């Protein structure tokens, strides 16, 4: 027990769809008087059409006025989740619905809305993609997701071996090599990408 420390900041996050938030929050609130807690609750919402238009304008180098319908379709497909907006745009590009022709990005909105190769449920598409990965790759991604949007490689090496299902987990050199292969698979699948200081989603 550190009696000299007078303050501590604890930041917690959860998805309302996965955890009964209405039951968890009162549990903390009831402790306010006992522990003199000051709690601030921030509810994060998805991107709105205007935000998606601004994002597309910067990415595609187009005027926002030309991106209204595309932004509406993306909002409907992704519910404004920034990660799924990114994945959906990647799907449009890889499936040929979004093309770079003669130094500009072009698309046909009717083809996008009618396209059978683009999942109507981007969340389900991403989940299916992850579930098809090797269990060790899934384990590494679970650990990384707990560390935030960007995560350092050394932390993955340190904790990853406790969750690997193949190989000699007591051999740190093997663990590092295997984690590297798992991260490379995740990068190839477009789930994460390398950065100067580690990896990010």
Protein backbone atom coordinates (compact mmCIF):
# COMPACT_ATOMS: atom_id res chain seq x y z
CA UNK A 1 0.00 0.00 0.00
CA UNK A 2 1.42 3.36 -1.07
CA UNK A 3 0.25 5.87 1.53
CA UNK A 4 2.00 8.79 -0.15
CA UNK A 5 0.02 8.59 -3.39
CA UNK A 6 -3.02 10.80 -3.10
CA UNK A 7 -4.47 10.55 -6.61
CA UNK A 8 -4.99 7.94 -9.27
CA UNK A 9 -6.62 8.15 -12.70
CA UNK A 10 -8.40 5.04 -13.88
CA UNK A 11 -9.78 4.98 -17.44
CA UNK A 12 -12.12 2.15 -18.37
CA UNK A 13 -13.87 1.43 -21.64
CA UNK A 14 -16.45 -1.07 -22.81
CA UNK A 15 -18.99 -1.70 -25.54
CA UNK A 16 -22.59 -1.25 -24.45
CA UNK A 17 -23.58 -4.20 -26.65
CA UNK A 18 -21.21 -6.56 -24.85
CA UNK A 19 -21.37 -5.50 -21.19
CA UNK A 20 -24.47 -4.56 -19.16
CA UNK A 21 -23.26 -0.99 -18.65
CA UNK A 22 -26.43 0.01 -16.81
CA UNK A 23 -25.53 -2.49 -14.13
CA UNK A 24 -21.81 -1.73 -13.98
CA UNK A 25 -21.97 2.05 -13.71
CA UNK A 26 -24.27 2.14 -10.65
CA UNK A 27 -21.91 -0.30 -8.97
CA UNK A 28 -19.13 2.28 -9.23
CA UNK A 29 -21.42 5.16 -8.37
CA UNK A 30 -22.38 3.47 -5.12
CA UNK A 31 -18.74 3.58 -4.09
CA UNK A 32 -18.44 7.33 -4.57
CA UNK A 33 -19.18 8.25 -0.98
CA UNK A 34 -17.00 5.54 0.49
CA UNK A 35 -13.92 6.19 -1.64
CA UNK A 36 -14.61 9.81 -2.62
CA UNK A 37 -14.52 8.94 -6.31
CA UNK A 38 -15.05 11.55 -8.97
CA UNK A 39 -16.36 9.76 -12.02
CA UNK A 40 -16.90 11.13 -15.51
CA UNK A 41 -18.78 9.10 -18.07
CA UNK A 42 -18.16 9.74 -21.77
CA UNK A 43 -20.35 8.05 -24.36
CA UNK A 44 -18.70 7.77 -27.77
CA UNK A 45 -20.96 7.75 -30.80
CA UNK A 46 -20.27 6.78 -34.38
CA UNK A 47 -19.28 9.23 -37.08
CA UNK A 48 -22.06 11.26 -38.65
CA UNK A 49 -22.51 11.97 -42.35
CA UNK A 50 -20.71 15.31 -42.12
CA UNK A 51 -17.66 13.72 -40.50
CA UNK A 52 -17.58 10.94 -43.09
CA UNK A 53 -17.79 13.53 -45.87
CA UNK A 54 -14.80 15.38 -44.42
CA UNK A 55 -12.87 12.14 -44.12
CA UNK A 56 -13.63 11.14 -47.72
CA UNK A 57 -12.82 14.63 -48.96
CA UNK A 58 -9.33 14.40 -47.48
CA UNK A 59 -8.77 10.84 -48.65
CA UNK A 60 -10.16 11.12 -52.18
CA UNK A 61 -9.29 14.77 -52.81
CA UNK A 62 -12.89 15.56 -53.73
CA UNK A 63 -15.28 18.37 -52.86
CA UNK A 64 -17.63 17.44 -50.02
CA UNK A 65 -20.63 18.31 -52.18
CA UNK A 66 -19.81 15.35 -54.47
CA UNK A 67 -19.57 12.90 -51.57
CA UNK A 68 -23.02 13.17 -49.98
CA UNK A 69 -24.53 9.96 -51.38
CA UNK A 70 -21.36 7.93 -50.89
CA UNK A 71 -21.14 9.14 -47.29
CA UNK A 72 -24.76 8.14 -46.67
CA UNK A 73 -24.13 4.64 -48.03
CA UNK A 74 -21.01 4.23 -45.91
CA UNK A 75 -22.88 5.40 -42.81
CA UNK A 76 -25.66 2.89 -43.48
CA UNK A 77 -23.16 0.06 -43.97
CA UNK A 78 -20.93 0.80 -40.98
CA UNK A 79 -23.14 2.64 -38.47
CA UNK A 80 -20.40 5.29 -38.37
CA UNK A 81 -17.82 3.07 -36.65
CA UNK A 82 -14.45 4.57 -37.75
CA UNK A 83 -12.74 1.19 -37.93
CA UNK A 84 -15.49 -0.30 -40.09
CA UNK A 85 -15.56 2.80 -42.28
CA UNK A 86 -11.91 2.13 -43.02
CA UNK A 87 -12.56 -1.58 -43.66
CA UNK A 88 -15.52 -0.84 -45.90
CA UNK A 89 -13.50 1.59 -48.01
CA UNK A 90 -10.79 -1.07 -48.29
CA UNK A 91 -13.46 -3.52 -49.50
CA UNK A 92 -14.74 -1.04 -52.08
CA UNK A 93 -11.19 -0.58 -53.36
CA UNK A 94 -10.30 -4.28 -53.46
CA UNK A 95 -13.59 -5.23 -55.14
CA UNK A 96 -13.16 -2.57 -57.81
CA UNK A 97 -16.08 -0.36 -56.79
CA UNK A 98 -13.67 2.47 -55.95
CA UNK A 99 -11.05 3.02 -58.65
CA UNK A 100 -8.20 5.41 -59.32
CA UNK A 101 -8.42 6.44 -62.98
CA UNK A 102 -6.55 9.25 -64.70
CA UNK A 103 -5.30 10.78 -61.46
CA UNK A 104 -8.65 10.80 -59.66
CA UNK A 105 -10.88 8.48 -57.66
CA UNK A 106 -14.11 7.40 -59.34
CA UNK A 107 -17.07 5.24 -58.29
CA UNK A 108 -20.60 4.37 -59.37
CA UNK A 109 -22.95 4.67 -56.43
CA UNK A 110 -25.61 2.44 -58.01
CA UNK A 111 -23.05 -0.36 -58.42
CA UNK A 112 -21.95 0.05 -54.81
CA UNK A 113 -25.49 -0.14 -53.42
CA UNK A 114 -26.36 -3.11 -55.64
CA UNK A 115 -23.01 -4.89 -55.35
CA UNK A 116 -23.37 -8.48 -54.16
CA UNK A 117 -19.70 -8.85 -53.20
CA UNK A 118 -19.84 -6.13 -50.56
CA UNK A 119 -21.19 -7.38 -47.24
CA UNK A 120 -24.24 -5.58 -45.86
CA UNK A 121 -22.83 -6.22 -42.42
CA UNK A 122 -19.23 -5.04 -42.23
CA UNK A 123 -18.97 -6.07 -38.58
CA UNK A 124 -19.89 -9.65 -39.47
CA UNK A 125 -17.44 -9.59 -42.38
CA UNK A 126 -14.53 -8.52 -40.15
CA UNK A 127 -15.47 -11.01 -37.44
CA UNK A 128 -15.64 -13.83 -39.97
CA UNK A 129 -12.25 -12.84 -41.34
CA UNK A 130 -10.68 -12.91 -37.86
CA UNK A 131 -12.31 -16.23 -36.92
CA UNK A 132 -10.70 -17.85 -39.96
CA UNK A 133 -7.23 -16.92 -38.68
CA UNK A 134 -5.03 -19.29 -36.70
CA UNK A 135 -5.92 -19.32 -32.96
CA UNK A 136 -2.50 -17.85 -32.10
CA UNK A 137 -3.10 -14.90 -34.43
CA UNK A 138 -6.48 -14.36 -32.77
CA UNK A 139 -4.86 -14.49 -29.32
CA UNK A 140 -2.25 -11.91 -30.30
CA UNK A 141 -4.98 -9.61 -31.65
CA UNK A 142 -6.99 -9.97 -28.43
CA UNK A 143 -3.96 -8.91 -26.37
CA UNK A 144 -3.23 -6.03 -28.74
CA UNK A 145 -6.84 -4.79 -28.61
CA UNK A 146 -6.53 -4.43 -24.82
CA UNK A 147 -3.56 -2.08 -25.30
CA UNK A 148 -5.40 0.44 -27.43
CA UNK A 149 -5.43 1.71 -31.00
CA UNK A 150 -1.62 1.55 -31.16
CA UNK A 151 0.39 -1.04 -29.27
CA UNK A 152 4.12 -1.71 -28.64
CA UNK A 153 5.67 -4.94 -29.84
CA UNK A 154 7.56 -5.74 -26.62
CA UNK A 155 4.36 -5.97 -24.58
CA UNK A 156 2.96 -8.52 -27.03
CA UNK A 157 6.15 -10.60 -26.69
CA UNK A 158 5.95 -10.45 -22.91
CA UNK A 159 2.36 -11.55 -22.51
CA UNK A 160 1.74 -13.37 -25.76
CA UNK A 161 3.46 -16.60 -24.85
CA UNK A 162 0.90 -17.36 -22.14
CA UNK A 163 -1.78 -17.59 -24.83
CA UNK A 164 0.00 -19.42 -27.66
CA UNK A 165 -1.21 -22.92 -28.47
CA UNK A 166 1.75 -24.20 -30.50
CA UNK A 167 5.51 -24.51 -29.95
CA UNK A 168 7.80 -24.07 -26.96
CA UNK A 169 6.30 -21.23 -24.94
CA UNK A 170 9.28 -21.23 -22.57
CA UNK A 171 11.66 -20.47 -25.44
CA UNK A 172 11.56 -16.68 -25.69
CA UNK A 173 13.34 -16.66 -29.06
CA UNK A 174 10.67 -18.97 -30.45
CA UNK A 175 7.92 -16.83 -28.96
CA UNK A 176 9.33 -13.68 -30.58
CA UNK A 177 9.63 -15.42 -33.95
CA UNK A 178 6.12 -16.85 -33.73
CA UNK A 179 4.60 -13.54 -32.63
CA UNK A 180 6.31 -11.90 -35.61
CA UNK A 181 4.67 -14.39 -37.96
CA UNK A 182 1.28 -13.86 -36.32
CA UNK A 183 1.58 -10.08 -36.67
CA UNK A 184 2.63 -10.44 -40.31
CA UNK A 185 -0.50 -12.48 -41.00
CA UNK A 186 -2.65 -9.80 -39.35
CA UNK A 187 -0.92 -7.13 -41.46
CA UNK A 188 -1.49 -9.12 -44.66
CA UNK A 189 -5.17 -9.45 -43.78
CA UNK A 190 -5.42 -5.67 -43.34
CA UNK A 191 -6.40 -5.91 -39.67
CA UNK A 192 -3.37 -4.01 -38.36
CA UNK A 193 -0.58 -1.97 -39.93
CA UNK A 194 3.01 -1.27 -38.91
CA UNK A 195 4.08 2.04 -37.39
CA UNK A 196 7.40 3.51 -36.33
CA UNK A 197 6.85 2.52 -32.70
CA UNK A 198 4.91 -0.71 -33.09
CA UNK A 199 1.62 -1.64 -34.74
CA UNK A 200 -1.84 -0.11 -34.90
CA UNK A 201 -5.37 -1.12 -35.82
